[in-house]
Amino acid sequence: MERQNAPISDHLHQVLREPLREFLSDDAQYDRCFDRFEYLLGLVRATVAEYGWGPLGRFAWRFRHEP
């Protein structure tokens, strides 16, 4: 997972894919739900953290590099 912008997010995305396939069979749907999860997690973290920011997930890097 080296040379990736969000290696922990990428790993979590990959690990959760198969257990959640029963509920989200379409890969595009899974990606959208995972993006939403990471976005909300970042908002919660930013709200709770003393420094007022949350981590950027894979969604931020993916959209930055897609046409």
N, C-alpha and C. Protein backbone atom coordinates (compact mmCIF):
# COMPACT_ATOMS: atom_id res chain seq x y z
N MET A 1 0.81 -1.19 0.00
CA MET A 1 0.00 0.00 0.00
C MET A 1 0.86 1.27 0.00
N GLU A 2 2.14 1.13 -0.29
CA GLU A 2 2.97 2.33 -0.32
C GLU A 2 2.69 3.15 -1.57
N ARG A 3 3.07 4.42 -1.53
CA ARG A 3 2.87 5.36 -2.62
C ARG A 3 1.40 5.63 -2.91
N GLN A 4 0.59 5.53 -1.89
CA GLN A 4 -0.81 5.86 -2.02
C GLN A 4 -1.10 7.05 -1.12
N ASN A 5 -2.07 7.85 -1.49
CA ASN A 5 -2.39 9.04 -0.72
C ASN A 5 -3.15 8.72 0.57
N ALA A 6 -3.91 7.67 0.57
CA ALA A 6 -4.70 7.28 1.75
C ALA A 6 -4.62 5.77 1.94
N PRO A 7 -3.44 5.25 2.31
CA PRO A 7 -3.27 3.79 2.37
C PRO A 7 -4.17 3.10 3.39
N ILE A 8 -4.44 3.73 4.51
CA ILE A 8 -5.31 3.10 5.51
C ILE A 8 -6.74 3.02 4.97
N SER A 9 -7.18 4.09 4.34
CA SER A 9 -8.52 4.09 3.74
C SER A 9 -8.63 3.05 2.63
N ASP A 10 -7.61 2.97 1.80
CA ASP A 10 -7.62 1.98 0.72
C ASP A 10 -7.68 0.56 1.28
N HIS A 11 -6.93 0.33 2.33
CA HIS A 11 -6.92 -1.00 2.95
C HIS A 11 -8.28 -1.33 3.56
N LEU A 12 -8.86 -0.38 4.28
CA LEU A 12 -10.17 -0.59 4.88
C LEU A 12 -11.24 -0.82 3.81
N HIS A 13 -11.16 -0.07 2.73
CA HIS A 13 -12.08 -0.24 1.60
C HIS A 13 -12.00 -1.66 1.06
N GLN A 14 -10.79 -2.15 0.92
CA GLN A 14 -10.56 -3.49 0.38
C GLN A 14 -11.02 -4.58 1.37
N VAL A 15 -10.72 -4.41 2.64
CA VAL A 15 -11.06 -5.42 3.65
C VAL A 15 -12.57 -5.55 3.85
N LEU A 16 -13.27 -4.42 3.79
CA LEU A 16 -14.72 -4.45 4.02
C LEU A 16 -15.53 -4.85 2.80
N ARG A 17 -14.90 -4.89 1.64
CA ARG A 17 -15.66 -5.16 0.41
C ARG A 17 -16.42 -6.48 0.46
N GLU A 18 -15.74 -7.57 0.75
CA GLU A 18 -16.40 -8.88 0.71
C GLU A 18 -17.45 -9.05 1.80
N PRO A 19 -17.19 -8.66 3.05
CA PRO A 19 -18.25 -8.81 4.06
C PRO A 19 -19.51 -7.99 3.74
N LEU A 20 -19.37 -6.90 3.01
CA LEU A 20 -20.52 -6.06 2.71
C LEU A 20 -21.14 -6.34 1.34
N ARG A 21 -20.57 -7.27 0.60
CA ARG A 21 -21.07 -7.57 -0.74
C ARG A 21 -22.53 -8.02 -0.73
N GLU A 22 -22.93 -8.72 0.33
CA GLU A 22 -24.32 -9.18 0.46
C GLU A 22 -25.30 -8.00 0.45
N PHE A 23 -24.89 -6.88 1.02
CA PHE A 23 -25.75 -5.71 1.14
C PHE A 23 -25.54 -4.70 0.03
N LEU A 24 -24.32 -4.65 -0.52
CA LEU A 24 -23.96 -3.71 -1.58
C LEU A 24 -23.27 -4.49 -2.68
N SER A 25 -24.02 -5.14 -3.52
CA SER A 25 -23.43 -6.02 -4.53
C SER A 25 -22.75 -5.26 -5.66
N ASP A 26 -23.23 -4.08 -5.97
CA ASP A 26 -22.66 -3.28 -7.05
C ASP A 26 -21.42 -2.51 -6.54
N ASP A 27 -20.31 -2.64 -7.25
CA ASP A 27 -19.07 -1.98 -6.81
C ASP A 27 -19.19 -0.46 -6.77
N ALA A 28 -19.89 0.12 -7.73
CA ALA A 28 -20.06 1.58 -7.74
C ALA A 28 -20.89 2.03 -6.53
N GLN A 29 -21.91 1.27 -6.20
CA GLN A 29 -22.73 1.58 -5.03
C GLN A 29 -21.90 1.46 -3.75
N TYR A 30 -21.07 0.43 -3.67
CA TYR A 30 -20.20 0.25 -2.51
C TYR A 30 -19.24 1.44 -2.39
N ASP A 31 -18.65 1.86 -3.50
CA ASP A 31 -17.74 3.01 -3.48
C ASP A 31 -18.44 4.27 -2.98
N ARG A 32 -19.65 4.52 -3.44
CA ARG A 32 -20.40 5.70 -2.99
C ARG A 32 -20.70 5.64 -1.50
N CYS A 33 -21.10 4.48 -1.01
CA CYS A 33 -21.39 4.32 0.42
C CYS A 33 -20.12 4.45 1.26
N PHE A 34 -19.03 3.88 0.79
CA PHE A 34 -17.77 4.00 1.52
C PHE A 34 -17.31 5.45 1.56
N ASP A 35 -17.45 6.16 0.45
CA ASP A 35 -17.10 7.59 0.41
C ASP A 35 -17.93 8.37 1.43
N ARG A 36 -19.21 8.10 1.48
CA ARG A 36 -20.10 8.79 2.42
C ARG A 36 -19.69 8.48 3.86
N PHE A 37 -19.38 7.21 4.13
CA PHE A 37 -18.91 6.80 5.46
C PHE A 37 -17.65 7.57 5.85
N GLU A 38 -16.68 7.63 4.95
CA GLU A 38 -15.43 8.33 5.26
C GLU A 38 -15.65 9.83 5.45
N TYR A 39 -16.51 10.40 4.66
CA TYR A 39 -16.81 11.82 4.78
C TYR A 39 -17.43 12.12 6.15
N LEU A 40 -18.42 11.32 6.54
CA LEU A 40 -19.06 11.51 7.83
C LEU A 40 -18.10 11.25 8.98
N LEU A 41 -17.25 10.25 8.85
CA LEU A 41 -16.24 9.97 9.87
C LEU A 41 -15.29 11.16 10.02
N GLY A 42 -14.90 11.75 8.92
CA GLY A 42 -14.04 12.93 8.96
C GLY A 42 -14.72 14.11 9.64
N LEU A 43 -16.02 14.31 9.38
CA LEU A 43 -16.77 15.38 10.04
C LEU A 43 -16.85 15.16 11.55
N VAL A 44 -17.11 13.93 11.94
CA VAL A 44 -17.16 13.62 13.38
C VAL A 44 -15.80 13.86 14.01
N ARG A 45 -14.78 13.40 13.36
CA ARG A 45 -13.42 13.57 13.89
C ARG A 45 -13.07 15.05 14.00
N ALA A 46 -13.43 15.83 13.01
CA ALA A 46 -13.14 17.27 13.03
C ALA A 46 -13.92 17.96 14.15
N THR A 47 -15.12 17.50 14.42
CA THR A 47 -15.93 18.09 15.47
C THR A 47 -15.39 17.76 16.86
N VAL A 48 -14.91 16.55 17.02
CA VAL A 48 -14.43 16.08 18.32
C VAL A 48 -12.99 16.52 18.59
N ALA A 49 -12.19 16.61 17.55
CA ALA A 49 -10.76 16.91 17.71
C ALA A 49 -10.54 18.34 18.18
N GLU A 50 -9.53 18.52 18.97
CA GLU A 50 -9.18 19.84 19.47
C GLU A 50 -8.72 20.76 18.34
N TYR A 51 -8.11 20.21 17.33
CA TYR A 51 -7.52 21.00 16.26
C TYR A 51 -8.50 21.30 15.13
N GLY A 52 -9.70 20.75 15.16
CA GLY A 52 -10.76 21.12 14.24
C GLY A 52 -10.64 20.66 12.80
N TRP A 53 -9.99 19.56 12.56
CA TRP A 53 -9.93 19.03 11.20
C TRP A 53 -10.01 17.51 11.26
N GLY A 54 -10.40 16.91 10.16
CA GLY A 54 -10.47 15.47 10.06
C GLY A 54 -9.60 14.99 8.92
N PRO A 55 -9.29 13.71 8.90
CA PRO A 55 -8.43 13.18 7.84
C PRO A 55 -9.15 13.15 6.49
N LEU A 56 -8.39 13.34 5.44
CA LEU A 56 -8.94 13.18 4.10
C LEU A 56 -8.93 11.70 3.77
N GLY A 57 -10.04 11.20 3.33
CA GLY A 57 -10.13 9.79 2.95
C GLY A 57 -9.79 9.60 1.49
N ARG A 58 -9.94 8.39 1.04
CA ARG A 58 -9.63 8.07 -0.35
C ARG A 58 -10.52 8.82 -1.32
N PHE A 59 -11.73 9.18 -0.88
CA PHE A 59 -12.65 9.91 -1.77
C PHE A 59 -12.06 11.25 -2.19
N ALA A 60 -11.36 11.92 -1.30
CA ALA A 60 -10.79 13.23 -1.63
C ALA A 60 -9.72 13.11 -2.70
N TRP A 61 -8.91 12.08 -2.62
CA TRP A 61 -7.84 11.89 -3.60
C TRP A 61 -8.38 11.34 -4.90
N ARG A 62 -9.37 10.47 -4.81
CA ARG A 62 -9.95 9.87 -6.01
C ARG A 62 -10.59 10.93 -6.89
N PHE A 63 -11.37 11.81 -6.30
CA PHE A 63 -12.04 12.85 -7.06
C PHE A 63 -11.07 13.90 -7.56
N ARG A 64 -9.98 14.10 -6.87
CA ARG A 64 -8.99 15.07 -7.30
C ARG A 64 -8.27 14.61 -8.57
N HIS A 65 -8.14 13.30 -8.74
CA HIS A 65 -7.37 12.77 -9.86
C HIS A 65 -8.21 12.19 -10.98
N GLU A 66 -9.54 12.22 -10.84
CA GLU A 66 -10.40 11.74 -11.92
C GLU A 66 -10.76 12.90 -12.83
N PRO A 67 -10.93 12.63 -14.11
CA PRO A 67 -11.31 13.71 -15.06
C PRO A 67 -12.73 14.18 -14.83
